[in-house]
Amino acid sequence: MTGPSEYIVDFLQTIGRPHKVAKRVVIPHPVMPQFIEALKKNLDLYQGRFGAPTPPPQQPPKPGQRRPTPQEIYDDLKIPDEALSGVYANGVMIGHGASEFGLDFLTSFFPQSAVSARVFVAAGQVPRLLESLQGAVKQLEQRQQGNPPPADPSSESSPEPPANPPPEA
C-alpha cells in the first residue's frame, strides 16, 4: 500500500488459517528505492553463490476463477493489534543464506539506530517481493506525474470493481 508520504509493506504469514500479517513496516518514499537497490544487489549475490532461487510451488488457477482484489485479500486477513500500526523503518540491512533472506529494518535517529523489525523471507519469494516493490514505486511515480497506473488485466474479468480497493504494496 502507498500512503501520501510512505509505503506500507505487509509481510504475510500464510501457514495455517487464517492468514495473518506477521509484520507491517512503514517506509518513507525516499527510502524505498534504496531498499529496492539493496535487495537487487543481495539477490544478485545470492544467484552468484547459490544459483537462481527456486520459486515456491503455485497452484494452477482454476478455469474461470478470477484473481481476488487486494480488498478481498485484506478482508480475509487477521491483523494482530501489535502489527496494526506497523513499525517505522528508514534503513535496512539484508543478509542471506542458502534458503532465506533476513531483512533487518532499522529506525535510525541520531545518535543511534535500532532494529525495528526482523523478517525472514524464503529465497524463492524474494524475486516476487522485489517485483511487487518496484511496481509500487512505479505506480506512485505515475500518480505523481498525473498518469493513472495501467489497469490490471486480471481484474477485467470481474463483473464489478470494488468500491475503494487499497493500492498494492
Protein backbone atom coordinates (compact mmCIF):
# COMPACT_ATOMS: atom_id res chain seq x y z
CA MET A 1 0.00 0.00 0.00
CA THR A 2 1.15 3.53 -0.63
CA GLY A 3 0.30 6.48 1.59
CA PRO A 4 0.90 10.18 0.99
CA SER A 5 4.47 10.06 2.29
CA GLU A 6 5.22 6.39 2.95
CA TYR A 7 4.85 2.85 1.73
CA ILE A 8 3.17 0.28 3.95
CA VAL A 9 4.78 -3.13 3.40
CA ASP A 10 2.92 -6.07 4.90
CA PHE A 11 4.70 -9.39 5.31
CA LEU A 12 2.14 -12.18 5.42
CA GLN A 13 2.30 -15.49 7.23
CA THR A 14 0.28 -17.90 5.13
CA ILE A 15 0.91 -21.08 7.09
CA GLY A 16 -2.34 -22.12 8.68
CA ARG A 17 -5.66 -20.31 8.67
CA PRO A 18 -6.49 -17.53 8.91
CA HIS A 19 -3.53 -15.95 7.13
CA LYS A 20 -2.12 -13.06 9.11
CA VAL A 21 0.06 -10.00 8.80
CA ALA A 22 3.25 -11.06 10.56
CA LYS A 23 4.95 -7.63 10.24
CA ARG A 24 3.88 -4.27 8.88
CA VAL A 25 6.74 -1.93 8.00
CA VAL A 26 6.30 1.77 7.21
CA ILE A 27 8.97 3.00 4.78
CA PRO A 28 9.28 6.66 3.66
CA HIS A 29 9.04 7.28 -0.09
CA PRO A 30 12.69 8.39 -0.49
CA VAL A 31 13.97 5.24 1.28
CA MET A 32 12.12 2.67 -0.89
CA PRO A 33 14.39 2.99 -3.99
CA GLN A 34 17.40 2.42 -1.72
CA PHE A 35 15.74 -0.68 -0.24
CA ILE A 36 14.97 -1.99 -3.74
CA GLU A 37 18.55 -1.42 -4.87
CA ALA A 38 19.95 -3.22 -1.79
CA LEU A 39 17.54 -6.12 -2.32
CA LYS A 40 18.55 -6.38 -6.01
CA LYS A 41 22.23 -6.38 -5.07
CA ASN A 42 21.69 -9.12 -2.48
CA LEU A 43 19.64 -11.18 -4.92
CA ASP A 44 22.48 -10.91 -7.46
CA LEU A 45 24.99 -12.02 -4.80
CA TYR A 46 22.70 -14.90 -3.86
CA GLN A 47 22.39 -16.00 -7.51
CA GLY A 48 26.16 -15.84 -7.96
CA ARG A 49 26.68 -18.07 -4.96
CA PHE A 50 23.68 -20.45 -4.99
CA GLY A 51 22.08 -20.05 -8.44
CA ALA A 52 18.58 -18.82 -9.14
CA PRO A 53 16.24 -19.21 -6.17
CA THR A 54 13.63 -21.92 -6.56
CA PRO A 55 10.21 -20.30 -6.80
CA PRO A 56 7.61 -21.69 -4.42
CA PRO A 57 5.13 -24.16 -5.92
CA GLN A 58 1.97 -22.47 -7.14
CA GLN A 59 -1.43 -23.98 -7.54
CA PRO A 60 -2.67 -23.67 -11.10
CA PRO A 61 -5.60 -21.25 -11.38
CA LYS A 62 -8.98 -22.89 -11.69
CA PRO A 63 -10.65 -22.23 -15.04
CA GLY A 64 -12.92 -19.20 -14.87
CA GLN A 65 -11.69 -18.17 -11.41
CA ARG A 66 -10.72 -14.52 -11.11
CA ARG A 67 -7.84 -13.23 -9.05
CA PRO A 68 -9.01 -11.70 -5.73
CA THR A 69 -8.70 -7.95 -5.29
CA PRO A 70 -6.42 -6.51 -2.60
CA GLN A 71 -9.54 -5.54 -0.62
CA GLU A 72 -10.82 -9.14 -0.71
CA ILE A 73 -7.43 -10.41 0.45
CA TYR A 74 -7.33 -7.94 3.36
CA ASP A 75 -10.91 -8.77 4.34
CA ASP A 76 -9.76 -12.37 4.96
CA LEU A 77 -6.54 -11.48 6.82
CA LYS A 78 -6.06 -11.40 10.54
CA ILE A 79 -4.10 -8.33 11.60
CA PRO A 80 -2.90 -8.59 15.20
CA ASP A 81 -3.20 -5.39 17.26
CA GLU A 82 0.58 -5.14 17.66
CA ALA A 83 1.03 -5.18 13.87
CA LEU A 84 -1.81 -2.79 13.05
CA SER A 85 0.13 0.49 13.22
CA GLY A 86 3.36 -1.06 11.90
CA VAL A 87 6.93 -0.06 12.65
CA TYR A 88 8.80 2.83 11.04
CA ALA A 89 11.98 2.00 9.15
CA ASN A 90 14.32 4.37 7.35
CA GLY A 91 17.02 1.80 6.69
CA VAL A 92 17.51 -1.91 6.11
CA MET A 93 20.29 -4.47 6.46
CA ILE A 94 19.97 -7.56 4.30
CA GLY A 95 21.67 -10.91 4.66
CA HIS A 96 21.04 -14.29 3.13
CA GLY A 97 21.83 -17.96 3.45
CA ALA A 98 21.12 -20.81 1.06
CA SER A 99 17.39 -20.89 1.78
CA GLU A 100 16.29 -17.49 3.10
CA PHE A 101 16.90 -13.77 3.25
CA GLY A 102 16.98 -11.90 6.54
CA LEU A 103 15.72 -8.32 6.44
CA ASP A 104 16.54 -6.15 9.45
CA PHE A 105 14.53 -2.95 9.16
CA LEU A 106 16.21 -0.10 11.02
CA THR A 107 14.95 3.04 12.65
CA SER A 108 17.84 5.47 12.60
CA PHE A 109 17.63 8.59 14.72
CA PHE A 110 20.68 10.47 15.90
CA PRO A 111 22.78 9.29 17.73
CA GLN A 112 21.95 5.61 17.11
CA SER A 113 19.94 3.04 15.17
CA ALA A 114 17.79 0.16 16.33
CA VAL A 115 16.26 -2.84 14.59
CA SER A 116 12.54 -2.09 14.45
CA ALA A 117 11.54 -5.30 12.62
CA ARG A 118 13.25 -8.51 11.60
CA VAL A 119 11.70 -10.51 8.77
CA PHE A 120 12.84 -13.76 7.17
CA VAL A 121 11.73 -14.42 3.60
CA ALA A 122 12.18 -17.68 1.70
CA ALA A 123 14.73 -17.16 -1.07
CA GLY A 124 12.18 -18.22 -3.69
CA GLN A 125 9.85 -15.40 -2.62
CA VAL A 126 12.44 -12.61 -2.96
CA PRO A 127 12.10 -12.07 -6.74
CA ARG A 128 8.33 -11.69 -6.27
CA LEU A 129 8.85 -9.27 -3.36
CA LEU A 130 11.26 -7.24 -5.46
CA GLU A 131 8.80 -7.14 -8.36
CA SER A 132 6.00 -6.00 -6.05
CA LEU A 133 8.09 -3.22 -4.51
CA GLN A 134 9.21 -2.00 -7.95
CA GLY A 135 5.56 -1.97 -9.08
CA ALA A 136 4.54 0.12 -6.06
CA VAL A 137 7.27 2.69 -6.82
CA LYS A 138 6.24 2.80 -10.48
CA GLN A 139 2.56 3.32 -9.52
CA LEU A 140 3.50 6.20 -7.22
CA GLU A 141 5.64 7.83 -9.91
CA GLN A 142 2.77 7.55 -12.42
CA ARG A 143 0.32 9.05 -9.92
CA GLN A 144 2.68 11.93 -9.17
CA GLN A 145 3.00 12.65 -12.90
CA GLY A 146 -0.78 12.63 -13.28
CA ASN A 147 -0.85 9.34 -15.24
CA PRO A 148 -3.12 6.67 -13.77
CA PRO A 149 -1.44 3.25 -13.48
CA PRO A 150 -2.43 0.75 -16.19
CA ALA A 151 -5.43 -1.42 -15.40
CA ASP A 152 -4.70 -4.86 -14.00
CA PRO A 153 -5.62 -7.29 -16.82
CA SER A 154 -6.73 -9.94 -14.30
CA SER A 155 -9.34 -7.58 -12.85
CA GLU A 156 -11.05 -7.11 -16.23
CA SER A 157 -12.81 -10.42 -15.81
CA SER A 158 -14.56 -9.27 -12.63
CA PRO A 159 -18.10 -8.05 -13.17
CA GLU A 160 -17.86 -5.09 -10.80
CA PRO A 161 -14.75 -3.32 -9.42
CA PRO A 162 -14.61 -2.98 -5.63
CA ALA A 163 -15.70 0.36 -4.16
CA ASN A 164 -12.36 1.51 -2.67
CA PRO A 165 -9.55 -1.01 -3.17
CA PRO A 166 -6.26 -0.18 -1.42
CA PRO A 167 -3.14 0.10 -3.63
CA GLU A 168 -0.90 -2.95 -3.63
CA ALA A 169 2.47 -2.99 -1.89
